[in-house]
Amino acid sequence: MPVYLRTLGYKIYFWSNEKDEPIHFHITKGDPSENDTKIWVLSNGSFKLANNKGKISKSDLSRIFSIMQSYYYDYLAFWKNYFSDEIKFYE
């Protein structure tokens, strides 16, 4: 489970077995679980909430989206480097 970033008390990560899914990240405050919030990364440089199972507040989600926006291309490179494959986007 690669953790990309820790910010605002949250971990931004993805599961190592999710290679076949479009690029995305999960957000958790504690230990990662299947009930964490999931965010799709879109090809146009934005993000889309897949689910908010982690019940993260709108204000925290907004701040996390803003932070991840500044890391958009770095995150793409992190994902691609980890999986050594072409990136598939949600759409």
PDB file of N, CA and C in Angstrom:
ATOM      1  N   MET A   1       0.834  -1.159   0.000  1.00  0.00           N
ATOM      2  CA  MET A   1       0.000   0.000   0.000  1.00  0.00           C
ATOM      3  C   MET A   1       0.893   1.241   0.000  1.00  0.00           C
ATOM      4  N   PRO A   2       1.178   1.758  -1.184  1.00  0.00           N
ATOM      5  CA  PRO A   2       2.027   2.942  -1.270  1.00  0.00           C
ATOM      6  C   PRO A   2       1.310   4.203  -0.778  1.00  0.00           C
ATOM      7  N   VAL A   3       1.912   4.885   0.170  1.00  0.00           N
ATOM      8  CA  VAL A   3       1.396   6.166   0.648  1.00  0.00           C
ATOM      9  C   VAL A   3       2.108   7.258  -0.141  1.00  0.00           C
ATOM     10  N   TYR A   4       1.325   8.075  -0.817  1.00  0.00           N
ATOM     11  CA  TYR A   4       1.903   9.149  -1.618  1.00  0.00           C
ATOM     12  C   TYR A   4       2.193  10.380  -0.780  1.00  0.00           C
ATOM     13  N   LEU A   5       1.269  10.731   0.098  1.00  0.00           N
ATOM     14  CA  LEU A   5       1.377  11.998   0.814  1.00  0.00           C
ATOM     15  C   LEU A   5       0.652  11.900   2.147  1.00  0.00           C
ATOM     16  N   ARG A   6       1.182  12.591   3.123  1.00  0.00           N
ATOM     17  CA  ARG A   6       0.495  12.789   4.398  1.00  0.00           C
ATOM     18  C   ARG A   6       0.265  14.284   4.535  1.00  0.00           C
ATOM     19  N   THR A   7      -1.002  14.649   4.724  1.00  0.00           N
ATOM     20  CA  THR A   7      -1.339  16.064   4.832  1.00  0.00           C
ATOM     21  C   THR A   7      -2.612  16.232   5.653  1.00  0.00           C
ATOM     22  N   LEU A   8      -2.669  17.269   6.451  1.00  0.00           N
ATOM     23  CA  LEU A   8      -3.847  17.607   7.256  1.00  0.00           C
ATOM     24  C   LEU A   8      -4.292  16.443   8.143  1.00  0.00           C
ATOM     25  N   GLY A   9      -3.364  15.576   8.495  1.00  0.00           N
ATOM     26  CA  GLY A   9      -3.684  14.415   9.319  1.00  0.00           C
ATOM     27  C   GLY A   9      -4.197  13.224   8.530  1.00  0.00           C
ATOM     28  N   TYR A  10      -4.218  13.326   7.196  1.00  0.00           N
ATOM     29  CA  TYR A  10      -4.702  12.257   6.323  1.00  0.00           C
ATOM     30  C   TYR A  10      -3.549  11.593   5.580  1.00  0.00           C
ATOM     31  N   LYS A  11      -3.760  10.347   5.194  1.00  0.00           N
ATOM     32  CA  LYS A  11      -2.857   9.641   4.290  1.00  0.00           C
ATOM     33  C   LYS A  11      -3.524   9.588   2.925  1.00  0.00           C
ATOM     34  N   ILE A  12      -2.769   9.901   1.883  1.00  0.00           N
ATOM     35  CA  ILE A  12      -3.208   9.771   0.499  1.00  0.00           C
ATOM     36  C   ILE A  12      -2.459   8.560  -0.044  1.00  0.00           C
ATOM     37  N   TYR A  13      -3.190   7.534  -0.474  1.00  0.00           N
ATOM     38  CA  TYR A  13      -2.544   6.279  -0.853  1.00  0.00           C
ATOM     39  C   TYR A  13      -3.365   5.555  -1.915  1.00  0.00           C
ATOM     40  N   PHE A  14      -2.804   4.453  -2.424  1.00  0.00           N
ATOM     41  CA  PHE A  14      -3.568   3.503  -3.234  1.00  0.00           C
ATOM     42  C   PHE A  14      -3.128   2.101  -2.854  1.00  0.00           C
ATOM     43  N   TRP A  15      -3.970   1.139  -3.164  1.00  0.00           N
ATOM     44  CA  TRP A  15      -3.641  -0.262  -2.890  1.00  0.00           C
ATOM     45  C   TRP A  15      -2.762  -0.797  -4.013  1.00  0.00           C
ATOM     46  N   SER A  16      -1.807  -1.629  -3.683  1.00  0.00           N
ATOM     47  CA  SER A  16      -0.871  -2.148  -4.681  1.00  0.00           C
ATOM     48  C   SER A  16      -1.504  -3.161  -5.630  1.00  0.00           C
ATOM     49  N   ASN A  17      -2.717  -3.605  -5.339  1.00  0.00           N
ATOM     50  CA  ASN A  17      -3.376  -4.571  -6.223  1.00  0.00           C
ATOM     51  C   ASN A  17      -4.418  -3.909  -7.134  1.00  0.00           C
ATOM     52  N   GLU A  18      -4.350  -2.599  -7.300  1.00  0.00           N
ATOM     53  CA  GLU A  18      -5.364  -1.883  -8.070  1.00  0.00           C
ATOM     54  C   GLU A  18      -4.871  -1.422  -9.443  1.00  0.00           C
ATOM     55  N   LYS A  19      -3.917  -2.136  -9.983  1.00  0.00           N
ATOM     56  CA  LYS A  19      -3.314  -1.786 -11.268  1.00  0.00           C
ATOM     57  C   LYS A  19      -4.335  -1.709 -12.394  1.00  0.00           C
ATOM     58  N   ASP A  20      -5.350  -2.556 -12.370  1.00  0.00           N
ATOM     59  CA  ASP A  20      -6.311  -2.606 -13.467  1.00  0.00           C
ATOM     60  C   ASP A  20      -7.406  -1.545 -13.371  1.00  0.00           C
ATOM     61  N   GLU A  21      -7.431  -0.802 -12.298  1.00  0.00           N
ATOM     62  CA  GLU A  21      -8.422   0.275 -12.158  1.00  0.00           C
ATOM     63  C   GLU A  21      -7.861   1.568 -12.738  1.00  0.00           C
ATOM     64  N   PRO A  22      -8.753   2.474 -13.127  1.00  0.00           N
ATOM     65  CA  PRO A  22      -8.266   3.804 -13.518  1.00  0.00           C
ATOM     66  C   PRO A  22      -7.538   4.464 -12.335  1.00  0.00           C
ATOM     67  N   ILE A  23      -6.670   5.394 -12.644  1.00  0.00           N
ATOM     68  CA  ILE A  23      -5.880   6.057 -11.608  1.00  0.00           C
ATOM     69  C   ILE A  23      -6.798   6.759 -10.607  1.00  0.00           C
ATOM     70  N   HIS A  24      -6.460   6.612  -9.346  1.00  0.00           N
ATOM     71  CA  HIS A  24      -7.267   7.163  -8.262  1.00  0.00           C
ATOM     72  C   HIS A  24      -6.410   7.202  -7.001  1.00  0.00           C
ATOM     73  N   PHE A  25      -6.967   7.724  -5.927  1.00  0.00           N
ATOM     74  CA  PHE A  25      -6.313   7.624  -4.629  1.00  0.00           C
ATOM     75  C   PHE A  25      -7.370   7.479  -3.553  1.00  0.00           C
ATOM     76  N   HIS A  26      -6.940   6.962  -2.425  1.00  0.00           N
ATOM     77  CA  HIS A  26      -7.796   6.814  -1.248  1.00  0.00           C
ATOM     78  C   HIS A  26      -7.298   7.783  -0.186  1.00  0.00           C
ATOM     79  N   ILE A  27      -8.203   8.146   0.720  1.00  0.00           N
ATOM     80  CA  ILE A  27      -7.873   9.065   1.812  1.00  0.00           C
ATOM     81  C   ILE A  27      -8.331   8.433   3.119  1.00  0.00           C
ATOM     82  N   THR A  28      -7.436   8.447   4.119  1.00  0.00           N
ATOM     83  CA  THR A  28      -7.791   7.932   5.435  1.00  0.00           C
ATOM     84  C   THR A  28      -7.097   8.743   6.516  1.00  0.00           C
ATOM     85  N   LYS A  29      -7.692   8.765   7.688  1.00  0.00           N
ATOM     86  CA  LYS A  29      -7.046   9.381   8.858  1.00  0.00           C
ATOM     87  C   LYS A  29      -6.327   8.331   9.682  1.00  0.00           C
ATOM     88  N   GLY A  30      -6.787   7.115   9.619  1.00  0.00           N
ATOM     89  CA  GLY A  30      -6.203   6.037  10.411  1.00  0.00           C
ATOM     90  C   GLY A  30      -5.548   5.006   9.522  1.00  0.00           C
ATOM     91  N   ASP A  31      -5.694   3.766   9.928  1.00  0.00           N
ATOM     92  CA  ASP A  31      -5.168   2.679   9.117  1.00  0.00           C
ATOM     93  C   ASP A  31      -6.046   2.498   7.883  1.00  0.00           C
ATOM     94  N   PRO A  32      -5.451   2.266   6.731  1.00  0.00           N
ATOM     95  CA  PRO A  32      -6.233   2.067   5.505  1.00  0.00           C
ATOM     96  C   PRO A  32      -7.218   0.902   5.638  1.00  0.00           C
ATOM     97  N   SER A  33      -8.396   1.100   5.037  1.00  0.00           N
ATOM     98  CA  SER A  33      -9.414   0.051   5.036  1.00  0.00           C
ATOM     99  C   SER A  33     -10.266   0.191   3.781  1.00  0.00           C
ATOM    100  N   GLU A  34     -11.109  -0.787   3.552  1.00  0.00           N
ATOM    101  CA  GLU A  34     -11.993  -0.745   2.385  1.00  0.00           C
ATOM    102  C   GLU A  34     -13.064   0.332   2.520  1.00  0.00           C
ATOM    103  N   ASN A  35     -13.170   0.939   3.670  1.00  0.00           N
ATOM    104  CA  ASN A  35     -14.160   1.984   3.906  1.00  0.00           C
ATOM    105  C   ASN A  35     -13.590   3.396   3.809  1.00  0.00           C
ATOM    106  N   ASP A  36     -12.475   3.538   3.140  1.00  0.00           N
ATOM    107  CA  ASP A  36     -11.874   4.865   2.984  1.00  0.00           C
ATOM    108  C   ASP A  36     -12.465   5.577   1.773  1.00  0.00           C
ATOM    109  N   THR A  37     -12.333   6.880   1.765  1.00  0.00           N
ATOM    110  CA  THR A  37     -12.809   7.705   0.667  1.00  0.00           C
ATOM    111  C   THR A  37     -11.936   7.459  -0.565  1.00  0.00           C
ATOM    112  N   LYS A  38     -12.588   7.432  -1.740  1.00  0.00           N
ATOM    113  CA  LYS A  38     -11.887   7.159  -2.997  1.00  0.00           C
ATOM    114  C   LYS A  38     -12.125   8.311  -3.974  1.00  0.00           C
ATOM    115  N   ILE A  39     -11.045   8.741  -4.623  1.00  0.00           N
ATOM    116  CA  ILE A  39     -11.071   9.860  -5.554  1.00  0.00           C
ATOM    117  C   ILE A  39     -10.502   9.425  -6.898  1.00  0.00           C
ATOM    118  N   TRP A  40     -11.275   9.630  -7.973  1.00  0.00           N
ATOM    119  CA  TRP A  40     -10.766   9.384  -9.323  1.00  0.00           C
ATOM    120  C   TRP A  40      -9.910  10.564  -9.755  1.00  0.00           C
ATOM    121  N   VAL A  41      -8.822  10.280 -10.470  1.00  0.00           N
ATOM    122  CA  VAL A  41      -7.975  11.306 -11.071  1.00  0.00           C
ATOM    123  C   VAL A  41      -8.378  11.382 -12.549  1.00  0.00           C
ATOM    124  N   LEU A  42      -8.751  12.554 -13.010  1.00  0.00           N
ATOM    125  CA  LEU A  42      -9.234  12.721 -14.377  1.00  0.00           C
ATOM    126  C   LEU A  42      -8.141  13.235 -15.302  1.00  0.00           C
ATOM    127  N   SER A  43      -8.274  12.933 -16.569  1.00  0.00           N
ATOM    128  CA  SER A  43      -7.252  13.310 -17.546  1.00  0.00           C
ATOM    129  C   SER A  43      -7.175  14.817 -17.763  1.00  0.00           C
ATOM    130  N   ASN A  44      -8.220  15.549 -17.401  1.00  0.00           N
ATOM    131  CA  ASN A  44      -8.217  17.004 -17.603  1.00  0.00           C
ATOM    132  C   ASN A  44      -7.557  17.760 -16.439  1.00  0.00           C
ATOM    133  N   GLY A  45      -6.929  17.021 -15.515  1.00  0.00           N
ATOM    134  CA  GLY A  45      -6.224  17.661 -14.405  1.00  0.00           C
ATOM    135  C   GLY A  45      -7.078  17.883 -13.177  1.00  0.00           C
ATOM    136  N   SER A  46      -8.251  17.290 -13.149  1.00  0.00           N
ATOM    137  CA  SER A  46      -9.128  17.456 -11.994  1.00  0.00           C
ATOM    138  C   SER A  46      -9.400  16.105 -11.326  1.00  0.00           C
ATOM    139  N   PHE A  47     -10.289  16.120 -10.358  1.00  0.00           N
ATOM    140  CA  PHE A  47     -10.604  14.931  -9.569  1.00  0.00           C
ATOM    141  C   PHE A  47     -12.113  14.783  -9.451  1.00  0.00           C
ATOM    142  N   LYS A  48     -12.535  13.555  -9.196  1.00  0.00           N
ATOM    143  CA  LYS A  48     -13.963  13.286  -9.019  1.00  0.00           C
ATOM    144  C   LYS A  48     -14.131  12.343  -7.838  1.00  0.00           C
ATOM    145  N   LEU A  49     -15.020  12.703  -6.946  1.00  0.00           N
ATOM    146  CA  LEU A  49     -15.295  11.863  -5.788  1.00  0.00           C
ATOM    147  C   LEU A  49     -15.971  10.570  -6.247  1.00  0.00           C
ATOM    148  N   ALA A  50     -15.337   9.436  -5.987  1.00  0.00           N
ATOM    149  CA  ALA A  50     -15.933   8.131  -6.295  1.00  0.00           C
ATOM    150  C   ALA A  50     -16.879   7.737  -5.172  1.00  0.00           C
ATOM    151  N   ASN A  51     -16.420   7.924  -3.934  1.00  0.00           N
ATOM    152  CA  ASN A  51     -17.266   7.691  -2.759  1.00  0.00           C
ATOM    153  C   ASN A  51     -16.634   8.399  -1.569  1.00  0.00           C
ATOM    154  N   ASN A  52     -17.433   8.636  -0.573  1.00  0.00           N
ATOM    155  CA  ASN A  52     -16.928   9.248   0.651  1.00  0.00           C
ATOM    156  C   ASN A  52     -17.254   8.340   1.833  1.00  0.00           C
ATOM    157  N   LYS A  53     -16.864   7.073   1.695  1.00  0.00           N
ATOM    158  CA  LYS A  53     -17.102   6.106   2.767  1.00  0.00           C
ATOM    159  C   LYS A  53     -16.397   6.509   4.056  1.00  0.00           C
ATOM    160  N   GLY A  54     -15.306   7.267   3.924  1.00  0.00           N
ATOM    161  CA  GLY A  54     -14.564   7.713   5.096  1.00  0.00           C
ATOM    162  C   GLY A  54     -15.201   8.902   5.794  1.00  0.00           C
ATOM    163  N   LYS A  55     -16.270   9.421   5.228  1.00  0.00           N
ATOM    164  CA  LYS A  55     -17.027  10.539   5.812  1.00  0.00           C
ATOM    165  C   LYS A  55     -16.148  11.763   6.098  1.00  0.00           C
ATOM    166  N   ILE A  56     -15.330  12.105   5.121  1.00  0.00           N
ATOM    167  CA  ILE A  56     -14.468  13.284   5.237  1.00  0.00           C
ATOM    168  C   ILE A  56     -15.317  14.527   4.979  1.00  0.00           C
ATOM    169  N   SER A  57     -15.125  15.539   5.781  1.00  0.00           N
ATOM    170  CA  SER A  57     -15.923  16.758   5.646  1.00  0.00           C
ATOM    171  C   SER A  57     -15.674  17.427   4.293  1.00  0.00           C
ATOM    172  N   LYS A  58     -16.665  18.185   3.835  1.00  0.00           N
ATOM    173  CA  LYS A  58     -16.530  18.891   2.563  1.00  0.00           C
ATOM    174  C   LYS A  58     -15.349  19.856   2.583  1.00  0.00           C
ATOM    175  N   SER A  59     -15.133  20.502   3.720  1.00  0.00           N
ATOM    176  CA  SER A  59     -14.025  21.455   3.798  1.00  0.00           C
ATOM    177  C   SER A  59     -12.677  20.738   3.707  1.00  0.00           C
ATOM    178  N   ASP A  60     -12.537  19.595   4.378  1.00  0.00           N
ATOM    179  CA  ASP A  60     -11.284  18.837   4.284  1.00  0.00           C
ATOM    180  C   ASP A  60     -11.088  18.287   2.878  1.00  0.00           C
ATOM    181  N   LEU A  61     -12.162  17.774   2.258  1.00  0.00           N
ATOM    182  CA  LEU A  61     -12.049  17.281   0.884  1.00  0.00           C
ATOM    183  C   LEU A  61     -11.612  18.399  -0.052  1.00  0.00           C
ATOM    184  N   SER A  62     -12.172  19.570   0.120  1.00  0.00           N
ATOM    185  CA  SER A  62     -11.802  20.710  -0.711  1.00  0.00           C
ATOM    186  C   SER A  62     -10.321  21.047  -0.548  1.00  0.00           C
ATOM    187  N   ARG A  63      -9.851  21.040   0.680  1.00  0.00           N
ATOM    188  CA  ARG A  63      -8.426  21.324   0.924  1.00  0.00           C
ATOM    189  C   ARG A  63      -7.534  20.231   0.345  1.00  0.00           C
ATOM    190  N   ILE A  64      -7.947  18.986   0.475  1.00  0.00           N
ATOM    191  CA  ILE A  64      -7.153  17.873  -0.077  1.00  0.00           C
ATOM    192  C   ILE A  64      -7.130  17.954  -1.601  1.00  0.00           C
ATOM    193  N   PHE A  65      -8.262  18.242  -2.228  1.00  0.00           N
ATOM    194  CA  PHE A  65      -8.298  18.403  -3.680  1.00  0.00           C
ATOM    195  C   PHE A  65      -7.343  19.518  -4.109  1.00  0.00           C
ATOM    196  N   SER A  66      -7.346  20.610  -3.371  1.00  0.00           N
ATOM    197  CA  SER A  66      -6.469  21.734  -3.697  1.00  0.00           C
ATOM    198  C   SER A  66      -5.002  21.346  -3.570  1.00  0.00           C
ATOM    199  N   ILE A  67      -4.662  20.638  -2.509  1.00  0.00           N
ATOM    200  CA  ILE A  67      -3.284  20.194  -2.307  1.00  0.00           C
ATOM    201  C   ILE A  67      -2.882  19.228  -3.416  1.00  0.00           C
ATOM    202  N   MET A  68      -3.748  18.247  -3.698  1.00  0.00           N
ATOM    203  CA  MET A  68      -3.426  17.265  -4.731  1.00  0.00           C
ATOM    204  C   MET A  68      -3.360  17.905  -6.116  1.00  0.00           C
ATOM    205  N   GLN A  69      -4.096  18.992  -6.320  1.00  0.00           N
ATOM    206  CA  GLN A  69      -4.032  19.686  -7.600  1.00  0.00           C
ATOM    207  C   GLN A  69      -2.604  20.141  -7.886  1.00  0.00           C
ATOM    208  N   SER A  70      -1.928  20.625  -6.860  1.00  0.00           N
ATOM    209  CA  SER A  70      -0.554  21.094  -7.060  1.00  0.00           C
ATOM    210  C   SER A  70       0.425  19.940  -7.272  1.00  0.00           C
ATOM    211  N   TYR A  71       0.017  18.722  -6.934  1.00  0.00           N
ATOM    212  CA  TYR A  71       0.851  17.540  -7.130  1.00  0.00           C
ATOM    213  C   TYR A  71       0.351  16.651  -8.266  1.00  0.00           C
ATOM    214  N   TYR A  72      -0.564  17.141  -9.076  1.00  0.00           N
ATOM    215  CA  TYR A  72      -1.229  16.325 -10.087  1.00  0.00           C
ATOM    216  C   TYR A  72      -0.231  15.525 -10.936  1.00  0.00           C
ATOM    217  N   TYR A  73       0.726  16.192 -11.567  1.00  0.00           N
ATOM    218  CA  TYR A  73       1.659  15.503 -12.468  1.00  0.00           C
ATOM    219  C   TYR A  73       2.642  14.624 -11.698  1.00  0.00           C
ATOM    220  N   ASP A  74       3.017  15.042 -10.517  1.00  0.00           N
ATOM    221  CA  ASP A  74       3.879  14.206  -9.684  1.00  0.00           C
ATOM    222  C   ASP A  74       3.158  12.921  -9.277  1.00  0.00           C
ATOM    223  N   TYR A  75       1.863  13.043  -8.990  1.00  0.00           N
ATOM    224  CA  TYR A  75       1.097  11.856  -8.616  1.00  0.00           C
ATOM    225  C   TYR A  75       0.961  10.905  -9.799  1.00  0.00           C
ATOM    226  N   LEU A  76       0.720  11.448 -10.995  1.00  0.00           N
ATOM    227  CA  LEU A  76       0.683  10.595 -12.188  1.00  0.00           C
ATOM    228  C   LEU A  76       1.988   9.828 -12.340  1.00  0.00           C
ATOM    229  N   ALA A  77       3.105  10.508 -12.158  1.00  0.00           N
ATOM    230  CA  ALA A  77       4.413   9.861 -12.279  1.00  0.00           C
ATOM    231  C   ALA A  77       4.607   8.802 -11.194  1.00  0.00           C
ATOM    232  N   PHE A  78       4.157   9.077  -9.973  1.00  0.00           N
ATOM    233  CA  PHE A  78       4.258   8.131  -8.861  1.00  0.00           C
ATOM    234  C   PHE A  78       3.489   6.855  -9.184  1.00  0.00           C
ATOM    235  N   TRP A  79       2.264   7.000  -9.662  1.00  0.00           N
ATOM    236  CA  TRP A  79       1.415   5.854 -10.031  1.00  0.00           C
ATOM    237  C   TRP A  79       2.066   5.052 -11.151  1.00  0.00           C
ATOM    238  N   LYS A  80       2.474   5.775 -12.211  1.00  0.00           N
ATOM    239  CA  LYS A  80       3.071   5.101 -13.380  1.00  0.00           C
ATOM    240  C   LYS A  80       4.359   4.396 -12.999  1.00  0.00           C
ATOM    241  N   ASN A  81       5.178   5.015 -12.194  1.00  0.00           N
ATOM    242  CA  ASN A  81       6.425   4.395 -11.761  1.00  0.00           C
ATOM    243  C   ASN A  81       6.153   3.146 -10.921  1.00  0.00           C
ATOM    244  N   TYR A  82       5.153   3.196 -10.075  1.00  0.00           N
ATOM    245  CA  TYR A  82       4.846   2.054  -9.219  1.00  0.00           C
ATOM    246  C   TYR A  82       4.346   0.868 -10.036  1.00  0.00           C
ATOM    247  N   PHE A  83       3.435   1.125 -10.968  1.00  0.00           N
ATOM    248  CA  PHE A  83       2.837   0.043 -11.741  1.00  0.00           C
ATOM    249  C   PHE A  83       3.571  -0.247 -13.051  1.00  0.00           C
ATOM    250  N   SER A  84       4.491   0.600 -13.448  1.00  0.00           N
ATOM    251  CA  SER A  84       5.251   0.416 -14.694  1.00  0.00           C
ATOM    252  C   SER A  84       4.333   0.118 -15.868  1.00  0.00           C
ATOM    253  N   ASP A  85       3.326   0.915 -16.023  1.00  0.00           N
ATOM    254  CA  ASP A  85       2.341   0.678 -17.066  1.00  0.00           C
ATOM    255  C   ASP A  85       1.713   2.007 -17.471  1.00  0.00           C
ATOM    256  N   GLU A  86       0.990   1.998 -18.569  1.00  0.00           N
ATOM    257  CA  GLU A  86       0.274   3.188 -19.018  1.00  0.00           C
ATOM    258  C   GLU A  86      -0.836   3.528 -18.024  1.00  0.00           C
ATOM    259  N   ILE A  87      -1.110   4.779 -17.878  1.00  0.00           N
ATOM    260  CA  ILE A  87      -2.152   5.230 -16.966  1.00  0.00           C
ATOM    261  C   ILE A  87      -3.509   5.188 -17.663  1.00  0.00           C
ATOM    262  N   LYS A  88      -4.475   4.607 -16.994  1.00  0.00           N
ATOM    263  CA  LYS A  88      -5.866   4.629 -17.459  1.00  0.00           C
ATOM    264  C   LYS A  88      -6.617   5.645 -16.595  1.00  0.00           C
ATOM    265  N   PHE A  89      -7.387   6.502 -17.250  1.00  0.00           N
ATOM    266  CA  PHE A  89      -8.161   7.508 -16.534  1.00  0.00           C
ATOM    267  C   PHE A  89      -9.622   7.090 -16.459  1.00  0.00           C
ATOM    268  N   TYR A  90     -10.295   7.561 -15.436  1.00  0.00           N
ATOM    269  CA  TYR A  90     -11.725   7.361 -15.268  1.00  0.00           C
ATOM    270  C   TYR A  90     -12.447   8.296 -16.226  1.00  0.00           C
ATOM    271  N   GLU A  91     -13.333   7.798 -17.039  1.00  0.00           N
ATOM    272  CA  GLU A  91     -14.176   8.629 -17.907  1.00  0.00           C
ATOM    273  C   GLU A  91     -14.934   7.770 -18.848  1.00  0.00           C
TER     274      GLU A  91
END
